[in-house]
Amino acid sequence: MRTTGLLTGAARLRARLDSRQILAAPGAGDPLTARLVAEAGFEAVYMTGLGATAARLGTPDLGLMTQTEMAEQLRALVRVCDLPVIADADTGYGGPLNLRRTFQDYAMAGAAALHLEDQESPKRCGQLSGVRLVSRSEAAKRLAALVAIRAEMQTDLVLIGRTDALQPEGLDAALDRARAYRDTGVDLVFVDGVKTRAEVEAIARGLEGPKVVSLVDGTEAANVTQRELEQMGFSIALYAVSALFGAISGSRAALAALKQNGHPDADPTVSYADYAQVVDLAGHQKFAHDYEA
């Protein structure tokens, strides 16, 4: 069962970032995947909007998840996972008052960090074409509002300013936006949509201070090692789709074998006992046994 330590997720995340070693955070769109991320030995988990949308709605990441659905999904992840959760907050879901509610709901759900992006609403996955941006000044104002809300709530939740300008406007525009967002007082900045090693290297050269990179399986950028990212000065590496793509691949293979053979695989790679360990069946049963009347 999940236990809560003396430090909040945000405090633990800040302490980890102070080490200056790269922090790898695989994506999890659902609580089961969050458990698997922890089991694998990672030190943080990323609640990816793409993964959450796929898990909850079975649809593409096109701004279809509402603020309340995302906050509920975050709460479910935090409930079962001791790791600090870095949460996707999309565009904040509205104006300044909506931003305040989003921050409050994410903080109360137990997020260690959240990132806010500069797309128009409805947003879309940063890897897709057709991304539309708000002005740099409007995006900076959103982030400044988050910084003010954090001070108002007296919390240490980590704030990340994200720009999706790389693909639609180019590297220079993306770097200019990231620098402007850094000046609002957020803790880290994040240029999303990288696809090549050259883009990763250029962002590292052109952007000072703590920064985040997201690497998507199947792109050239995903071949950059965590050691290389650390040497380039990145603080956090997000792997939003690695577990999701693995789950799709594994499920497809199992279902194809069932369809073809008329029965499940006689020697599955995961047993019921393995599953029971992941979801802590023994811990649940013990608690129920200890306190049943």
C-alpha atoms as a PDB file:
ATOM      1  CA  MET A   1       0.000   0.000   0.000  1.00  0.00           C
ATOM      2  CA  ARG A   2       1.057   3.586  -0.562  1.00  0.00           C
ATOM      3  CA  THR A   3       2.547   5.381   2.436  1.00  0.00           C
ATOM      4  CA  THR A   4       3.171   9.100   2.775  1.00  0.00           C
ATOM      5  CA  GLY A   5       6.628  10.236   3.810  1.00  0.00           C
ATOM      6  CA  LEU A   6       7.469  13.219   5.978  1.00  0.00           C
ATOM      7  CA  LEU A   7       8.283  15.330   2.918  1.00  0.00           C
ATOM      8  CA  THR A   8       5.757  16.295   0.272  1.00  0.00           C
ATOM      9  CA  GLY A   9       6.258  15.097  -3.272  1.00  0.00           C
ATOM     10  CA  ALA A  10       7.255  18.630  -4.233  1.00  0.00           C
ATOM     11  CA  ALA A  11       9.882  18.806  -1.475  1.00  0.00           C
ATOM     12  CA  ARG A  12      11.301  15.437  -2.495  1.00  0.00           C
ATOM     13  CA  LEU A  13      11.378  16.509  -6.126  1.00  0.00           C
ATOM     14  CA  ARG A  14      13.186  19.742  -5.246  1.00  0.00           C
ATOM     15  CA  ALA A  15      15.754  17.830  -3.196  1.00  0.00           C
ATOM     16  CA  ARG A  16      16.312  15.450  -6.099  1.00  0.00           C
ATOM     17  CA  LEU A  17      16.724  18.325  -8.572  1.00  0.00           C
ATOM     18  CA  ASP A  18      19.293  19.933  -6.268  1.00  0.00           C
ATOM     19  CA  SER A  19      21.575  16.952  -6.920  1.00  0.00           C
ATOM     20  CA  ARG A  20      22.095  18.255 -10.479  1.00  0.00           C
ATOM     21  CA  GLN A  21      21.824  14.693 -11.802  1.00  0.00           C
ATOM     22  CA  ILE A  22      19.372  14.022 -14.624  1.00  0.00           C
ATOM     23  CA  LEU A  23      15.975  12.822 -13.406  1.00  0.00           C
ATOM     24  CA  ALA A  24      14.198  10.367 -15.710  1.00  0.00           C
ATOM     25  CA  ALA A  25      10.400  10.407 -15.402  1.00  0.00           C
ATOM     26  CA  PRO A  26       8.516   7.829 -17.483  1.00  0.00           C
ATOM     27  CA  GLY A  27       4.961   8.660 -18.410  1.00  0.00           C
ATOM     28  CA  ALA A  28       1.945   7.048 -16.762  1.00  0.00           C
ATOM     29  CA  GLY A  29      -1.614   7.782 -17.783  1.00  0.00           C
ATOM     30  CA  ASP A  30      -3.169   5.511 -15.164  1.00  0.00           C
ATOM     31  CA  PRO A  31      -2.446   4.225 -11.637  1.00  0.00           C
ATOM     32  CA  LEU A  32      -1.363   0.737 -12.727  1.00  0.00           C
ATOM     33  CA  THR A  33       1.348   2.174 -14.960  1.00  0.00           C
ATOM     34  CA  ALA A  34       2.447   4.484 -12.128  1.00  0.00           C
ATOM     35  CA  ARG A  35       2.924   1.406  -9.947  1.00  0.00           C
ATOM     36  CA  LEU A  36       5.039  -0.188 -12.668  1.00  0.00           C
ATOM     37  CA  VAL A  37       7.192   2.939 -12.983  1.00  0.00           C
ATOM     38  CA  ALA A  38       7.887   2.780  -9.239  1.00  0.00           C
ATOM     39  CA  GLU A  39       8.537  -0.969  -9.389  1.00  0.00           C
ATOM     40  CA  ALA A  40      11.121  -0.400 -12.137  1.00  0.00           C
ATOM     41  CA  GLY A  41      13.137   1.819  -9.790  1.00  0.00           C
ATOM     42  CA  PHE A  42      12.541   5.272 -11.254  1.00  0.00           C
ATOM     43  CA  GLU A  43      12.503   8.293  -8.946  1.00  0.00           C
ATOM     44  CA  ALA A  44       9.593  10.215 -10.468  1.00  0.00           C
ATOM     45  CA  VAL A  45       6.581   9.603 -12.664  1.00  0.00           C
ATOM     46  CA  TYR A  46       5.111  11.878 -15.329  1.00  0.00           C
ATOM     47  CA  MET A  47       1.329  12.088 -15.607  1.00  0.00           C
ATOM     48  CA  THR A  48       1.251  12.620 -19.343  1.00  0.00           C
ATOM     49  CA  GLY A  49      -1.824  14.224 -20.845  1.00  0.00           C
ATOM     50  CA  LEU A  50      -1.474  12.006 -23.906  1.00  0.00           C
ATOM     51  CA  GLY A  51      -1.373   8.887 -21.744  1.00  0.00           C
ATOM     52  CA  ALA A  52      -4.194  10.035 -19.469  1.00  0.00           C
ATOM     53  CA  THR A  53      -6.375  10.766 -22.498  1.00  0.00           C
ATOM     54  CA  ALA A  54      -5.578   7.390 -24.036  1.00  0.00           C
ATOM     55  CA  ALA A  55      -6.275   5.534 -20.765  1.00  0.00           C
ATOM     56  CA  ARG A  56      -9.441   7.383 -19.784  1.00  0.00           C
ATOM     57  CA  LEU A  57     -11.021   8.233 -23.143  1.00  0.00           C
ATOM     58  CA  GLY A  58      -9.246   6.062 -25.702  1.00  0.00           C
ATOM     59  CA  THR A  59      -8.831   9.112 -27.936  1.00  0.00           C
ATOM     60  CA  PRO A  60      -5.952  11.229 -29.283  1.00  0.00           C
ATOM     61  CA  ASP A  61      -4.442  14.056 -27.242  1.00  0.00           C
ATOM     62  CA  LEU A  62      -6.488  16.872 -28.772  1.00  0.00           C
ATOM     63  CA  GLY A  63      -7.626  18.752 -25.691  1.00  0.00           C
ATOM     64  CA  LEU A  64     -10.538  16.422 -24.944  1.00  0.00           C
ATOM     65  CA  MET A  65      -9.732  15.852 -21.255  1.00  0.00           C
ATOM     66  CA  THR A  66     -11.372  18.353 -18.927  1.00  0.00           C
ATOM     67  CA  GLN A  67      -9.724  19.963 -15.916  1.00  0.00           C
ATOM     68  CA  THR A  68     -11.730  17.848 -13.499  1.00  0.00           C
ATOM     69  CA  GLU A  69     -10.895  14.624 -15.374  1.00  0.00           C
ATOM     70  CA  MET A  70      -7.185  15.445 -15.313  1.00  0.00           C
ATOM     71  CA  ALA A  71      -7.300  16.301 -11.608  1.00  0.00           C
ATOM     72  CA  GLU A  72      -9.128  13.041 -10.880  1.00  0.00           C
ATOM     73  CA  GLN A  73      -6.578  11.073 -12.864  1.00  0.00           C
ATOM     74  CA  LEU A  74      -3.757  12.800 -10.980  1.00  0.00           C
ATOM     75  CA  ARG A  75      -5.382  12.004  -7.644  1.00  0.00           C
ATOM     76  CA  ALA A  76      -5.643   8.343  -8.629  1.00  0.00           C
ATOM     77  CA  LEU A  77      -1.939   8.191  -9.525  1.00  0.00           C
ATOM     78  CA  VAL A  78      -0.811   9.903  -6.328  1.00  0.00           C
ATOM     79  CA  ARG A  79      -2.990   7.582  -4.247  1.00  0.00           C
ATOM     80  CA  VAL A  80      -1.060   4.455  -5.302  1.00  0.00           C
ATOM     81  CA  CYS A  81       2.421   5.820  -5.990  1.00  0.00           C
ATOM     82  CA  ASP A  82       5.026   7.156  -3.558  1.00  0.00           C
ATOM     83  CA  LEU A  83       7.034   8.806  -6.328  1.00  0.00           C
ATOM     84  CA  PRO A  84       6.820  12.553  -6.971  1.00  0.00           C
ATOM     85  CA  VAL A  85       4.292  13.071  -9.785  1.00  0.00           C
ATOM     86  CA  ILE A  86       5.056  15.634 -12.483  1.00  0.00           C
ATOM     87  CA  ALA A  87       1.663  16.525 -13.950  1.00  0.00           C
ATOM     88  CA  ASP A  88       0.575  17.881 -17.309  1.00  0.00           C
ATOM     89  CA  ALA A  89      -1.795  20.817 -16.774  1.00  0.00           C
ATOM     90  CA  ASP A  90      -2.305  21.559 -20.492  1.00  0.00           C
ATOM     91  CA  THR A  91      -3.137  25.262 -20.973  1.00  0.00           C
ATOM     92  CA  GLY A  92      -4.583  25.719 -17.484  1.00  0.00           C
ATOM     93  CA  TYR A  93      -8.173  25.290 -18.727  1.00  0.00           C
ATOM     94  CA  GLY A  94      -9.176  28.939 -18.961  1.00  0.00           C
ATOM     95  CA  GLY A  95      -8.424  32.374 -17.578  1.00  0.00           C
ATOM     96  CA  PRO A  96      -6.717  33.458 -14.344  1.00  0.00           C
ATOM     97  CA  LEU A  97      -9.485  32.134 -12.081  1.00  0.00           C
ATOM     98  CA  ASN A  98      -9.432  28.793 -13.907  1.00  0.00           C
ATOM     99  CA  LEU A  99      -5.671  28.718 -13.460  1.00  0.00           C
ATOM    100  CA  ARG A 100      -6.113  29.263  -9.739  1.00  0.00           C
ATOM    101  CA  ARG A 101      -8.566  26.386  -9.519  1.00  0.00           C
ATOM    102  CA  THR A 102      -6.288  24.129 -11.579  1.00  0.00           C
ATOM    103  CA  PHE A 103      -3.338  24.897  -9.325  1.00  0.00           C
ATOM    104  CA  GLN A 104      -5.400  24.364  -6.182  1.00  0.00           C
ATOM    105  CA  ASP A 105      -6.823  21.069  -7.427  1.00  0.00           C
ATOM    106  CA  TYR A 106      -3.423  19.776  -8.542  1.00  0.00           C
ATOM    107  CA  ALA A 107      -1.773  20.818  -5.286  1.00  0.00           C
ATOM    108  CA  MET A 108      -4.480  19.205  -3.173  1.00  0.00           C
ATOM    109  CA  ALA A 109      -4.297  16.062  -5.315  1.00  0.00           C
ATOM    110  CA  GLY A 110      -0.612  15.797  -4.395  1.00  0.00           C
ATOM    111  CA  ALA A 111       1.227  16.862  -7.541  1.00  0.00           C
ATOM    112  CA  ALA A 112       4.935  17.499  -7.061  1.00  0.00           C
ATOM    113  CA  ALA A 113       5.146  19.627 -10.210  1.00  0.00           C
ATOM    114  CA  LEU A 114       2.986  20.822 -13.055  1.00  0.00           C
ATOM    115  CA  HIS A 115       3.737  22.233 -16.470  1.00  0.00           C
ATOM    116  CA  LEU A 116       1.695  24.805 -18.338  1.00  0.00           C
ATOM    117  CA  GLU A 117       1.963  25.268 -22.100  1.00  0.00           C
ATOM    118  CA  ASP A 118       1.505  28.180 -24.481  1.00  0.00           C
ATOM    119  CA  GLN A 119      -0.984  26.684 -26.910  1.00  0.00           C
ATOM    120  CA  GLU A 120      -4.416  28.003 -27.693  1.00  0.00           C
ATOM    121  CA  SER A 121      -7.333  25.979 -26.371  1.00  0.00           C
ATOM    122  CA  PRO A 122      -8.184  23.318 -27.401  1.00  0.00           C
ATOM    123  CA  LYS A 123      -4.558  22.201 -27.354  1.00  0.00           C
ATOM    124  CA  ARG A 124      -3.019  19.200 -29.071  1.00  0.00           C
ATOM    125  CA  CYS A 125      -0.037  16.910 -28.586  1.00  0.00           C
ATOM    126  CA  GLY A 126       3.199  18.838 -29.179  1.00  0.00           C
ATOM    127  CA  GLN A 127       4.383  16.187 -31.650  1.00  0.00           C
ATOM    128  CA  LEU A 128       1.481  16.932 -34.019  1.00  0.00           C
ATOM    129  CA  SER A 129       1.307  19.520 -36.769  1.00  0.00           C
ATOM    130  CA  GLY A 130      -1.216  22.335 -36.555  1.00  0.00           C
ATOM    131  CA  VAL A 131      -0.213  23.586 -33.096  1.00  0.00           C
ATOM    132  CA  ARG A 132      -1.576  27.108 -32.493  1.00  0.00           C
ATOM    133  CA  LEU A 133       0.056  29.380 -29.924  1.00  0.00           C
ATOM    134  CA  VAL A 134      -1.091  32.272 -27.797  1.00  0.00           C
ATOM    135  CA  SER A 135       1.161  35.331 -27.817  1.00  0.00           C
ATOM    136  CA  ARG A 136       4.383  35.217 -25.836  1.00  0.00           C
ATOM    137  CA  SER A 137       3.109  37.947 -23.511  1.00  0.00           C
ATOM    138  CA  GLU A 138      -0.147  36.110 -22.810  1.00  0.00           C
ATOM    139  CA  ALA A 139       1.691  32.866 -22.082  1.00  0.00           C
ATOM    140  CA  ALA A 140       4.112  34.670 -19.761  1.00  0.00           C
ATOM    141  CA  LYS A 141       1.160  36.260 -17.965  1.00  0.00           C
ATOM    142  CA  ARG A 142      -0.334  32.802 -17.366  1.00  0.00           C
ATOM    143  CA  LEU A 143       2.910  31.608 -15.802  1.00  0.00           C
ATOM    144  CA  ALA A 144       3.249  34.753 -13.700  1.00  0.00           C
ATOM    145  CA  ALA A 145      -0.262  34.067 -12.418  1.00  0.00           C
ATOM    146  CA  LEU A 146       0.788  30.547 -11.411  1.00  0.00           C
ATOM    147  CA  VAL A 147       3.791  31.900  -9.537  1.00  0.00           C
ATOM    148  CA  ALA A 148       1.514  34.336  -7.687  1.00  0.00           C
ATOM    149  CA  ILE A 149      -0.983  31.574  -6.881  1.00  0.00           C
ATOM    150  CA  ARG A 150       1.820  29.402  -5.511  1.00  0.00           C
ATOM    151  CA  ALA A 151       2.893  32.217  -3.192  1.00  0.00           C
ATOM    152  CA  GLU A 152      -0.717  32.788  -2.180  1.00  0.00           C
ATOM    153  CA  MET A 153      -1.125  29.111  -1.256  1.00  0.00           C
ATOM    154  CA  GLN A 154       2.299  28.953   0.419  1.00  0.00           C
ATOM    155  CA  THR A 155       3.194  25.680  -1.262  1.00  0.00           C
ATOM    156  CA  ASP A 156       6.451  24.468  -2.806  1.00  0.00           C
ATOM    157  CA  LEU A 157       4.928  22.832  -5.887  1.00  0.00           C
ATOM    158  CA  VAL A 158       7.450  22.935  -8.752  1.00  0.00           C
ATOM    159  CA  LEU A 159       6.386  25.016 -11.777  1.00  0.00           C
ATOM    160  CA  ILE A 160       7.480  24.305 -15.354  1.00  0.00           C
ATOM    161  CA  GLY A 161       6.886  26.708 -18.234  1.00  0.00           C
ATOM    162  CA  ARG A 162       6.449  24.857 -21.535  1.00  0.00           C
ATOM    163  CA  THR A 163       6.543  26.190 -25.068  1.00  0.00           C
ATOM    164  CA  ASP A 164       5.280  24.335 -28.125  1.00  0.00           C
ATOM    165  CA  ALA A 165       6.761  26.885 -30.536  1.00  0.00           C
ATOM    166  CA  LEU A 166       9.554  24.638 -31.876  1.00  0.00           C
ATOM    167  CA  GLN A 167       7.643  22.996 -34.696  1.00  0.00           C
ATOM    168  CA  PRO A 168       5.336  25.841 -35.828  1.00  0.00           C
ATOM    169  CA  GLU A 169       7.731  28.802 -35.360  1.00  0.00           C
ATOM    170  CA  GLY A 170      11.246  27.345 -35.229  1.00  0.00           C
ATOM    171  CA  LEU A 171      14.079  27.057 -32.750  1.00  0.00           C
ATOM    172  CA  ASP A 172      14.855  30.746 -32.251  1.00  0.00           C
ATOM    173  CA  ALA A 173      11.240  31.589 -31.454  1.00  0.00           C
ATOM    174  CA  ALA A 174      10.989  28.643 -29.071  1.00  0.00           C
ATOM    175  CA  LEU A 175      14.148  29.711 -27.237  1.00  0.00           C
ATOM    176  CA  ASP A 176      12.935  33.319 -27.011  1.00  0.00           C
ATOM    177  CA  ARG A 177       9.680  32.138 -25.487  1.00  0.00           C
ATOM    178  CA  ALA A 178      11.423  29.783 -23.047  1.00  0.00           C
ATOM    179  CA  ARG A 179      13.686  32.612 -21.843  1.00  0.00           C
ATOM    180  CA  ALA A 180      10.666  34.885 -21.328  1.00  0.00           C
ATOM    181  CA  TYR A 181       8.897  32.149 -19.377  1.00  0.00           C
ATOM    182  CA  ARG A 182      11.965  31.561 -17.208  1.00  0.00           C
ATOM    183  CA  ASP A 183      11.870  35.244 -16.226  1.00  0.00           C
ATOM    184  CA  THR A 184       8.353  34.852 -14.758  1.00  0.00           C
ATOM    185  CA  GLY A 185       9.761  32.928 -11.793  1.00  0.00           C
ATOM    186  CA  VAL A 186       8.954  29.351 -12.774  1.00  0.00           C
ATOM    187  CA  ASP A 187      11.458  26.702 -11.678  1.00  0.00           C
ATOM    188  CA  LEU A 188      12.193  25.074 -15.035  1.00  0.00           C
ATOM    189  CA  VAL A 189      11.462  25.671 -18.707  1.00  0.00           C
ATOM    190  CA  PHE A 190      10.535  23.102 -21.318  1.00  0.00           C
ATOM    191  CA  VAL A 191      10.736  23.250 -25.126  1.00  0.00           C
ATOM    192  CA  ASP A 192       8.432  20.492 -26.351  1.00  0.00           C
ATOM    193  CA  GLY A 193       8.175  18.827 -29.736  1.00  0.00           C
ATOM    194  CA  VAL A 194      11.832  17.834 -30.202  1.00  0.00           C
ATOM    195  CA  LYS A 195      12.360  15.149 -32.818  1.00  0.00           C
ATOM    196  CA  THR A 196      16.091  15.216 -33.603  1.00  0.00           C
ATOM    197  CA  ARG A 197      19.396  15.098 -31.755  1.00  0.00           C
ATOM    198  CA  ALA A 198      20.311  18.439 -33.318  1.00  0.00           C
ATOM    199  CA  GLU A 199      17.239  20.066 -31.744  1.00  0.00           C
ATOM    200  CA  VAL A 200      18.110  18.664 -28.318  1.00  0.00           C
ATOM    201  CA  GLU A 201      21.692  19.925 -28.615  1.00  0.00           C
ATOM    202  CA  ALA A 202      20.590  23.361 -29.847  1.00  0.00           C
ATOM    203  CA  ILE A 203      18.151  23.794 -26.967  1.00  0.00           C
ATOM    204  CA  ALA A 204      20.874  22.810 -24.503  1.00  0.00           C
ATOM    205  CA  ARG A 205      23.257  25.390 -25.998  1.00  0.00           C
ATOM    206  CA  GLY A 206      20.705  28.156 -26.289  1.00  0.00           C
ATOM    207  CA  LEU A 207      18.859  27.888 -23.002  1.00  0.00           C
ATOM    208  CA  GLU A 208      20.523  28.511 -19.658  1.00  0.00           C
ATOM    209  CA  GLY A 209      19.253  27.304 -16.318  1.00  0.00           C
ATOM    210  CA  PRO A 210      17.160  24.297 -15.244  1.00  0.00           C
ATOM    211  CA  LYS A 211      15.302  22.756 -18.168  1.00  0.00           C
ATOM    212  CA  VAL A 212      13.162  19.808 -19.179  1.00  0.00           C
ATOM    213  CA  VAL A 213      13.237  17.700 -22.331  1.00  0.00           C
ATOM    214  CA  SER A 214      10.618  15.225 -23.531  1.00  0.00           C
ATOM    215  CA  LEU A 215      11.823  12.320 -25.666  1.00  0.00           C
ATOM    216  CA  VAL A 216       9.310  10.387 -27.750  1.00  0.00           C
ATOM    217  CA  ASP A 217       9.973   6.789 -28.701  1.00  0.00           C
ATOM    218  CA  GLY A 218      10.672   6.357 -32.391  1.00  0.00           C
ATOM    219  CA  THR A 219      12.243   9.790 -32.916  1.00  0.00           C
ATOM    220  CA  GLU A 220      15.958  10.380 -33.399  1.00  0.00           C
ATOM    221  CA  ALA A 221      15.944  12.484 -30.229  1.00  0.00           C
ATOM    222  CA  ALA A 222      14.985   9.435 -28.155  1.00  0.00           C
ATOM    223  CA  ASN A 223      18.410   7.920 -28.861  1.00  0.00           C
ATOM    224  CA  VAL A 224      20.129  10.632 -26.802  1.00  0.00           C
ATOM    225  CA  THR A 225      21.197   8.966 -23.562  1.00  0.00           C
ATOM    226  CA  GLN A 226      20.401  10.265 -20.099  1.00  0.00           C
ATOM    227  CA  ARG A 227      24.126  10.675 -19.469  1.00  0.00           C
ATOM    228  CA  GLU A 228      24.376  12.914 -22.535  1.00  0.00           C
ATOM    229  CA  LEU A 229      21.318  14.907 -21.450  1.00  0.00           C
ATOM    230  CA  GLU A 230      22.859  15.476 -18.035  1.00  0.00           C
ATOM    231  CA  GLN A 231      26.105  16.704 -19.618  1.00  0.00           C
ATOM    232  CA  MET A 232      24.059  19.087 -21.776  1.00  0.00           C
ATOM    233  CA  GLY A 233      22.499  20.606 -18.648  1.00  0.00           C
ATOM    234  CA  PHE A 234      18.998  19.140 -18.670  1.00  0.00           C
ATOM    235  CA  SER A 235      17.416  18.541 -15.268  1.00  0.00           C
ATOM    236  CA  ILE A 236      14.468  16.299 -16.182  1.00  0.00           C
ATOM    237  CA  ALA A 237      13.934  13.878 -19.059  1.00  0.00           C
ATOM    238  CA  LEU A 238      10.313  12.918 -19.684  1.00  0.00           C
ATOM    239  CA  TYR A 239       9.509   9.656 -21.471  1.00  0.00           C
ATOM    240  CA  ALA A 240       5.801  10.193 -21.985  1.00  0.00           C
ATOM    241  CA  VAL A 241       4.932   7.273 -24.259  1.00  0.00           C
ATOM    242  CA  SER A 242       7.438   4.492 -23.491  1.00  0.00           C
ATOM    243  CA  ALA A 243       5.160   2.516 -21.155  1.00  0.00           C
ATOM    244  CA  LEU A 244       2.052   3.296 -23.218  1.00  0.00           C
ATOM    245  CA  PHE A 245       3.607   2.044 -26.451  1.00  0.00           C
ATOM    246  CA  GLY A 246       4.911  -1.040 -24.635  1.00  0.00           C
ATOM    247  CA  ALA A 247       1.431  -1.755 -23.251  1.00  0.00           C
ATOM    248  CA  ILE A 248      -0.153  -1.446 -26.690  1.00  0.00           C
ATOM    249  CA  SER A 249       2.459  -3.773 -28.177  1.00  0.00           C
ATOM    250  CA  GLY A 250       2.073  -6.377 -25.440  1.00  0.00           C
ATOM    251  CA  SER A 251      -1.732  -6.279 -25.513  1.00  0.00           C
ATOM    252  CA  ARG A 252      -1.814  -6.604 -29.291  1.00  0.00           C
ATOM    253  CA  ALA A 253       0.458  -9.638 -29.189  1.00  0.00           C
ATOM    254  CA  ALA A 254      -1.568 -11.365 -26.455  1.00  0.00           C
ATOM    255  CA  LEU A 255      -4.884 -10.699 -28.179  1.00  0.00           C
ATOM    256  CA  ALA A 256      -3.581 -11.795 -31.581  1.00  0.00           C
ATOM    257  CA  ALA A 257      -2.369 -15.092 -30.071  1.00  0.00           C
ATOM    258  CA  LEU A 258      -5.733 -15.604 -28.321  1.00  0.00           C
ATOM    259  CA  LYS A 259      -7.593 -14.965 -31.564  1.00  0.00           C
ATOM    260  CA  GLN A 260      -5.359 -17.230 -33.614  1.00  0.00           C
ATOM    261  CA  ASN A 261      -4.996 -20.124 -31.151  1.00  0.00           C
ATOM    262  CA  GLY A 262      -8.363 -20.050 -29.420  1.00  0.00           C
ATOM    263  CA  HIS A 263      -6.742 -19.972 -25.974  1.00  0.00           C
ATOM    264  CA  PRO A 264      -4.336 -17.745 -24.033  1.00  0.00           C
ATOM    265  CA  ASP A 265      -0.601 -18.276 -24.206  1.00  0.00           C
ATOM    266  CA  ALA A 266       0.260 -21.398 -22.191  1.00  0.00           C
ATOM    267  CA  ASP A 267       3.426 -19.740 -20.875  1.00  0.00           C
ATOM    268  CA  PRO A 268       2.588 -16.044 -20.357  1.00  0.00           C
ATOM    269  CA  THR A 269       5.337 -13.567 -19.548  1.00  0.00           C
ATOM    270  CA  VAL A 270       3.241 -12.258 -16.630  1.00  0.00           C
ATOM    271  CA  SER A 271       1.399 -14.547 -14.216  1.00  0.00           C
ATOM    272  CA  TYR A 272      -1.492 -13.814 -11.877  1.00  0.00           C
ATOM    273  CA  ALA A 273       1.042 -13.873  -9.046  1.00  0.00           C
ATOM    274  CA  ASP A 274       3.046 -11.157 -10.815  1.00  0.00           C
ATOM    275  CA  TYR A 275      -0.071  -9.048 -11.235  1.00  0.00           C
ATOM    276  CA  ALA A 276      -1.014  -9.558  -7.574  1.00  0.00           C
ATOM    277  CA  GLN A 277       2.395  -8.287  -6.519  1.00  0.00           C
ATOM    278  CA  VAL A 278       2.127  -5.151  -8.687  1.00  0.00           C
ATOM    279  CA  VAL A 279      -1.244  -4.161  -7.205  1.00  0.00           C
ATOM    280  CA  ASP A 280      -0.234  -5.215  -3.658  1.00  0.00           C
ATOM    281  CA  LEU A 281      -2.971  -7.804  -3.247  1.00  0.00           C
ATOM    282  CA  ALA A 282      -1.320  -9.210  -0.109  1.00  0.00           C
ATOM    283  CA  GLY A 283      -1.208  -5.794   1.562  1.00  0.00           C
ATOM    284  CA  HIS A 284      -4.883  -5.160   0.839  1.00  0.00           C
ATOM    285  CA  GLN A 285      -5.899  -8.591   2.103  1.00  0.00           C
ATOM    286  CA  LYS A 286      -3.861  -8.248   5.288  1.00  0.00           C
ATOM    287  CA  PHE A 287      -5.414  -4.872   6.114  1.00  0.00           C
ATOM    288  CA  ALA A 288      -8.924  -6.227   5.496  1.00  0.00           C
ATOM    289  CA  HIS A 289      -8.208  -9.307   7.626  1.00  0.00           C
ATOM    290  CA  ASP A 290      -6.738  -7.271  10.502  1.00  0.00           C
ATOM    291  CA  TYR A 291      -9.742  -4.971  10.798  1.00  0.00           C
ATOM    292  CA  GLU A 292     -12.712  -7.091   9.760  1.00  0.00           C
ATOM    293  CA  ALA A 293     -15.320  -7.419  12.514  1.00  0.00           C
END
